[in-house]
Amino acid sequence: MKRIGLIDYYLSEWHANHYPEWIRQANEALGTDYQIAFAWAECEISPIDGVSTDEWCEKNGVTRAESISALCAGCDAIFILAPSNPEKHLPYAKEAFPFAKPTFVDKTFAPSYAEALELVELANRFRTPVFSSSALRFAEELERFEGVKDLIVTAGGNDLAEYLIHPVEMAVRLMKDRAVSAKAERVGRCQYLLEAATANGKSVTVVYSKRMAYTIAGELGDGKSLYTAVRSDFFGRLTQAIVGFFESGVSPVPLTETLEVMHLCDLMLAAANEAEKR
């Protein structure tokens, strides 16, 4: 068995609660043998449901680590989760990256492009293999949109700043070009129309509303238009990619592309903030 160490801000949250089973399923699909063996959380009690670190560990058959360094020393690969608290990723990485073990950093990689650069520089300094992505990048439906010229993505979630990563990750995977400008309009109290343009004349539009489903529409280079809802098992596909990364030490998403994701997030959030002032 290969041991995964899980670092989180608090343990009983949606992602940490599902990863033990997703990893089991990935093992079955890939013929691997990974298991979350150690866990550490900064907060003892989950603010979501009141479950403690000890209770979470007992439920999932995981050993509680008393420090990040103890966790990293005892494992073969590392998860840095804290999906709703990306501001925690850099301080956790400062303790974990020196161990130079394959490390998955959950979305959003960092709260800003500037901090993302710090994370990448830290990974390069210690030659630590690092992989970060939204699960939506691994949606099977995106394969139909390779070569897209103009893209529209609809997306939902409780908070734009936290959930913008999902449509942006899909857009960066498909558009391939660096965004150079963005604008936004606020529609009502919690809905946004965000648009970005690339230097090569491509465009991406994100339509965000709290309860909106994930869909993709686009025009391909041959003029053909496509539209689809996103319904595939993107978390299962992401988890298989993570386990494959743990095996090979090679990320399926280059950190240069993760930086492009953060760059577009910064552009769109700045545009959304300007729209709120109008």
Protein backbone atom coordinates (compact mmCIF):
# COMPACT_ATOMS: atom_id res chain seq x y z
CA MET A 1 0.00 0.00 0.00
CA LYS A 2 1.16 3.52 -0.81
CA ARG A 3 0.27 6.10 1.81
CA ILE A 4 -1.34 9.47 1.16
CA GLY A 5 -1.14 12.28 3.68
CA LEU A 6 -4.09 14.67 3.68
CA ILE A 7 -3.63 18.27 4.84
CA ASP A 8 -6.77 20.36 5.31
CA TYR A 9 -8.01 23.46 7.08
CA TYR A 10 -10.71 21.29 8.68
CA LEU A 11 -11.34 17.68 7.80
CA SER A 12 -15.08 17.17 7.66
CA GLU A 13 -15.81 18.98 4.40
CA TRP A 14 -17.28 17.76 1.12
CA HIS A 15 -14.03 16.96 -0.68
CA ALA A 16 -12.23 15.22 2.19
CA ASN A 17 -15.39 13.24 2.96
CA HIS A 18 -15.49 11.85 -0.59
CA TYR A 19 -11.84 11.29 -1.46
CA PRO A 20 -11.41 8.01 0.47
CA GLU A 21 -14.09 6.37 -1.68
CA TRP A 22 -12.97 8.08 -4.91
CA ILE A 23 -9.42 6.83 -4.32
CA ARG A 24 -10.72 3.29 -3.75
CA GLN A 25 -12.57 3.48 -7.06
CA ALA A 26 -9.49 4.87 -8.82
CA ASN A 27 -7.43 1.99 -7.46
CA GLU A 28 -9.92 -0.48 -8.92
CA ALA A 29 -9.78 1.23 -12.32
CA LEU A 30 -6.00 1.64 -12.44
CA GLY A 31 -4.79 -1.43 -10.53
CA THR A 32 -3.06 0.77 -7.95
CA ASP A 33 -3.02 0.61 -4.16
CA TYR A 34 -3.26 4.07 -2.60
CA GLN A 35 -4.96 4.93 0.66
CA ILE A 36 -5.28 8.02 2.81
CA ALA A 37 -3.14 6.92 5.75
CA PHE A 38 -2.54 10.19 7.63
CA ALA A 39 -4.51 13.40 8.06
CA TRP A 40 -3.84 16.75 9.68
CA ALA A 41 -6.14 19.77 10.04
CA GLU A 42 -5.46 23.24 11.37
CA CYS A 43 -8.97 23.52 12.86
CA GLU A 44 -9.95 20.80 15.31
CA ILE A 45 -13.71 21.10 14.69
CA SER A 46 -15.37 21.39 11.29
CA PRO A 47 -17.53 24.54 11.08
CA ILE A 48 -19.80 22.68 8.64
CA ASP A 49 -21.03 19.83 10.81
CA GLY A 50 -19.10 19.96 14.11
CA VAL A 51 -17.14 16.76 13.41
CA SER A 52 -13.72 16.73 15.06
CA THR A 53 -10.41 15.66 13.53
CA ASP A 54 -10.36 12.54 15.73
CA GLU A 55 -13.93 11.63 14.74
CA TRP A 56 -13.17 12.05 11.04
CA CYS A 57 -10.01 9.95 11.30
CA GLU A 58 -11.78 7.18 13.20
CA LYS A 59 -14.64 7.07 10.67
CA ASN A 60 -12.24 6.81 7.72
CA GLY A 61 -9.62 4.52 9.23
CA VAL A 62 -6.94 7.23 9.07
CA THR A 63 -4.15 7.99 11.54
CA ARG A 64 -4.14 11.51 12.91
CA ALA A 65 -0.83 13.29 12.31
CA GLU A 66 0.28 15.73 14.99
CA SER A 67 2.02 18.05 12.52
CA ILE A 68 2.39 18.63 8.79
CA SER A 69 6.04 17.57 8.95
CA ALA A 70 5.16 14.29 10.68
CA LEU A 71 2.49 13.61 8.05
CA CYS A 72 4.87 14.35 5.18
CA ALA A 73 7.64 12.20 6.63
CA GLY A 74 5.36 9.17 6.85
CA CYS A 75 3.60 9.27 3.48
CA ASP A 76 4.40 8.64 -0.17
CA ALA A 77 2.19 11.38 -1.63
CA ILE A 78 0.38 14.44 -0.33
CA PHE A 79 -2.99 16.12 -0.69
CA ILE A 80 -3.28 19.81 0.22
CA LEU A 81 -7.03 20.39 0.27
CA ALA A 82 -8.58 23.45 2.02
CA PRO A 83 -10.77 23.92 -1.10
CA SER A 84 -12.66 26.87 0.36
CA ASN A 85 -9.55 28.45 1.86
CA PRO A 86 -6.89 28.82 -0.86
CA GLU A 87 -5.12 31.41 1.29
CA LYS A 88 -3.95 28.41 3.35
CA HIS A 89 -2.23 26.66 0.45
CA LEU A 90 1.01 28.64 0.53
CA PRO A 91 1.65 28.29 4.29
CA TYR A 92 0.88 24.55 4.10
CA ALA A 93 3.09 24.19 1.02
CA LYS A 94 5.99 25.88 2.80
CA GLU A 95 5.98 22.95 5.23
CA ALA A 96 5.11 20.19 2.72
CA PHE A 97 7.07 21.04 -0.45
CA PRO A 98 10.54 20.58 1.15
CA PHE A 99 9.76 16.84 1.37
CA ALA A 100 9.69 16.77 -2.47
CA LYS A 101 6.85 14.25 -2.62
CA PRO A 102 4.15 14.36 -5.33
CA THR A 103 1.61 16.87 -4.05
CA PHE A 104 -1.89 17.62 -5.29
CA VAL A 105 -3.04 21.14 -4.34
CA ASP A 106 -6.81 21.47 -4.54
CA LYS A 107 -8.53 24.27 -6.43
CA THR A 108 -8.35 27.18 -6.27
CA PHE A 109 -4.54 26.87 -6.44
CA ALA A 110 -4.03 30.26 -4.77
CA PRO A 111 -6.11 33.34 -3.93
CA SER A 112 -4.24 35.38 -6.57
CA TYR A 113 -1.86 35.09 -9.50
CA ALA A 114 0.91 36.65 -7.41
CA GLU A 115 0.57 34.02 -4.70
CA ALA A 116 0.33 31.28 -7.33
CA LEU A 117 3.75 32.41 -8.59
CA GLU A 118 5.11 32.00 -5.06
CA LEU A 119 3.78 28.45 -4.93
CA VAL A 120 5.33 27.57 -8.29
CA GLU A 121 8.68 29.09 -7.30
CA LEU A 122 8.57 27.10 -4.05
CA ALA A 123 7.82 23.86 -5.94
CA ASN A 124 10.69 24.54 -8.36
CA ARG A 125 13.09 25.32 -5.52
CA PHE A 126 12.51 21.93 -3.90
CA ARG A 127 11.88 20.05 -7.18
CA THR A 128 8.52 19.01 -5.83
CA PRO A 129 6.07 17.53 -8.37
CA VAL A 130 2.85 19.56 -8.04
CA PHE A 131 -0.54 19.13 -9.70
CA SER A 132 -3.56 21.40 -9.26
CA SER A 133 -6.87 21.50 -11.09
CA SER A 134 -10.58 21.96 -10.83
CA ALA A 135 -12.39 18.69 -11.44
CA LEU A 136 -14.30 20.36 -14.28
CA ARG A 137 -11.17 20.33 -16.43
CA PHE A 138 -11.64 16.56 -16.57
CA ALA A 139 -15.25 16.65 -17.75
CA GLU A 140 -15.54 14.23 -20.66
CA GLU A 141 -17.73 16.72 -22.56
CA LEU A 142 -14.80 19.09 -23.09
CA GLU A 143 -13.23 16.67 -25.55
CA ARG A 144 -15.87 17.64 -28.12
CA PHE A 145 -14.78 21.30 -27.94
CA GLU A 146 -11.08 20.93 -28.77
CA GLY A 147 -10.14 23.70 -31.20
CA VAL A 148 -12.95 26.00 -30.07
CA LYS A 149 -12.68 29.63 -31.17
CA ASP A 150 -15.38 31.32 -29.10
CA LEU A 151 -16.62 29.75 -25.89
CA ILE A 152 -19.55 30.29 -23.53
CA VAL A 153 -19.62 28.52 -20.16
CA THR A 154 -22.42 28.71 -17.61
CA ALA A 155 -21.58 28.04 -13.98
CA GLY A 156 -23.02 28.20 -10.47
CA GLY A 157 -21.97 28.00 -6.85
CA ASN A 158 -22.47 29.87 -3.61
CA ASP A 159 -19.78 32.50 -4.22
CA LEU A 160 -18.27 33.84 -7.43
CA ALA A 161 -14.74 34.17 -6.02
CA GLU A 162 -14.71 30.51 -4.93
CA TYR A 163 -16.52 28.92 -7.87
CA LEU A 164 -15.15 30.96 -10.79
CA ILE A 165 -12.26 28.49 -10.95
CA HIS A 166 -14.50 25.86 -12.57
CA PRO A 167 -15.52 27.67 -15.77
CA VAL A 168 -12.09 29.31 -16.00
CA GLU A 169 -10.33 25.94 -15.78
CA MET A 170 -12.49 24.63 -18.62
CA ALA A 171 -11.86 27.77 -20.66
CA VAL A 172 -8.08 27.69 -20.28
CA ARG A 173 -7.95 24.01 -21.20
CA LEU A 174 -9.87 24.70 -24.42
CA MET A 175 -8.76 28.19 -25.48
CA LYS A 176 -4.99 27.64 -25.16
CA ASP A 177 -4.31 31.40 -25.55
CA ARG A 178 -3.47 33.92 -22.83
CA ALA A 179 -6.32 36.30 -21.98
CA VAL A 180 -5.38 39.96 -22.33
CA SER A 181 -8.54 41.74 -21.19
CA ALA A 182 -11.80 41.14 -19.33
CA LYS A 183 -15.04 42.97 -18.64
CA ALA A 184 -18.07 42.18 -16.53
CA GLU A 185 -21.67 43.15 -16.01
CA ARG A 186 -23.66 42.46 -12.88
CA VAL A 187 -27.24 41.31 -13.47
CA GLY A 188 -29.37 41.52 -10.33
CA ARG A 189 -27.85 40.72 -6.95
CA CYS A 190 -25.81 37.58 -7.62
CA GLN A 191 -25.53 37.06 -11.37
CA TYR A 192 -22.62 38.05 -13.60
CA LEU A 193 -21.76 38.13 -17.27
CA LEU A 194 -17.97 37.95 -17.55
CA GLU A 195 -16.13 38.18 -20.86
CA ALA A 196 -12.45 37.83 -21.72
CA ALA A 197 -10.52 38.16 -24.98
CA THR A 198 -7.21 36.65 -26.05
CA ALA A 199 -4.45 38.21 -28.10
CA ASN A 200 -5.35 35.90 -31.01
CA GLY A 201 -8.96 37.04 -31.20
CA LYS A 202 -10.62 34.22 -29.28
CA SER A 203 -13.24 34.98 -26.66
CA VAL A 204 -14.66 33.31 -23.57
CA THR A 205 -17.87 34.29 -21.83
CA VAL A 206 -18.82 33.04 -18.36
CA VAL A 207 -22.44 33.35 -17.27
CA TYR A 208 -22.58 32.88 -13.50
CA SER A 209 -25.56 32.52 -11.20
CA LYS A 210 -25.69 30.72 -7.87
CA ARG A 211 -27.98 27.90 -9.01
CA MET A 212 -26.94 27.69 -12.66
CA ALA A 213 -25.82 24.32 -14.05
CA TYR A 214 -22.51 23.80 -15.84
CA THR A 215 -22.94 23.93 -19.61
CA ILE A 216 -20.61 24.59 -22.54
CA ALA A 217 -21.35 26.19 -25.89
CA GLY A 218 -18.87 27.14 -28.55
CA GLU A 219 -18.00 27.72 -32.16
CA LEU A 220 -15.31 25.54 -33.64
CA GLY A 221 -12.82 26.64 -36.27
CA ASP A 222 -14.96 25.18 -39.07
CA GLY A 223 -17.94 27.29 -37.99
CA LYS A 224 -19.80 24.38 -36.41
CA SER A 225 -21.59 25.25 -33.16
CA LEU A 226 -21.86 22.86 -30.22
CA TYR A 227 -23.73 22.92 -26.92
CA THR A 228 -23.86 20.43 -24.06
CA ALA A 229 -24.57 20.15 -20.36
CA VAL A 230 -21.74 18.80 -18.20
CA ARG A 231 -22.90 15.53 -16.64
CA SER A 232 -19.89 13.19 -16.81
CA ASP A 233 -18.06 11.79 -13.78
CA PHE A 234 -15.46 14.56 -13.67
CA PHE A 235 -14.51 13.91 -10.04
CA GLY A 236 -13.85 10.25 -10.81
CA ARG A 237 -11.71 11.23 -13.79
CA LEU A 238 -9.84 13.83 -11.72
CA THR A 239 -9.12 11.29 -8.97
CA GLN A 240 -7.73 8.83 -11.50
CA ALA A 241 -5.51 11.64 -12.81
CA ILE A 242 -4.33 12.37 -9.25
CA VAL A 243 -3.47 8.72 -8.57
CA GLY A 244 -1.70 8.51 -11.94
CA PHE A 245 0.28 11.62 -10.96
CA PHE A 246 1.21 10.06 -7.62
CA GLU A 247 2.52 7.02 -9.53
CA SER A 248 4.51 8.89 -12.19
CA GLY A 249 5.41 12.17 -10.50
CA VAL A 250 4.39 13.93 -13.72
CA SER A 251 1.44 16.33 -13.57
CA PRO A 252 -1.14 16.06 -16.37
CA VAL A 253 -1.53 19.86 -16.10
CA PRO A 254 1.70 21.88 -16.36
CA LEU A 255 2.08 24.53 -13.70
CA THR A 256 2.47 27.08 -16.50
CA GLU A 257 -1.14 26.33 -17.45
CA THR A 258 -2.26 26.53 -13.82
CA LEU A 259 -0.73 30.00 -13.75
CA GLU A 260 -2.79 30.91 -16.84
CA VAL A 261 -5.90 29.78 -14.95
CA MET A 262 -5.00 32.05 -12.07
CA HIS A 263 -4.26 34.92 -14.48
CA LEU A 264 -7.74 34.66 -16.03
CA CYS A 265 -9.38 34.34 -12.60
CA ASP A 266 -7.63 37.54 -11.54
CA LEU A 267 -8.77 39.38 -14.68
CA MET A 268 -12.39 38.29 -14.32
CA LEU A 269 -12.63 38.93 -10.59
CA ALA A 270 -11.14 42.40 -11.03
CA ALA A 271 -13.73 43.09 -13.74
CA ALA A 272 -16.51 41.78 -11.48
CA ASN A 273 -15.33 44.06 -8.66
CA GLU A 274 -15.43 47.04 -11.00
CA ALA A 275 -18.94 46.08 -12.08
CA GLU A 276 -20.07 46.11 -8.45
CA LYS A 277 -18.92 49.72 -8.09
CA ARG A 278 -20.98 50.94 -11.04
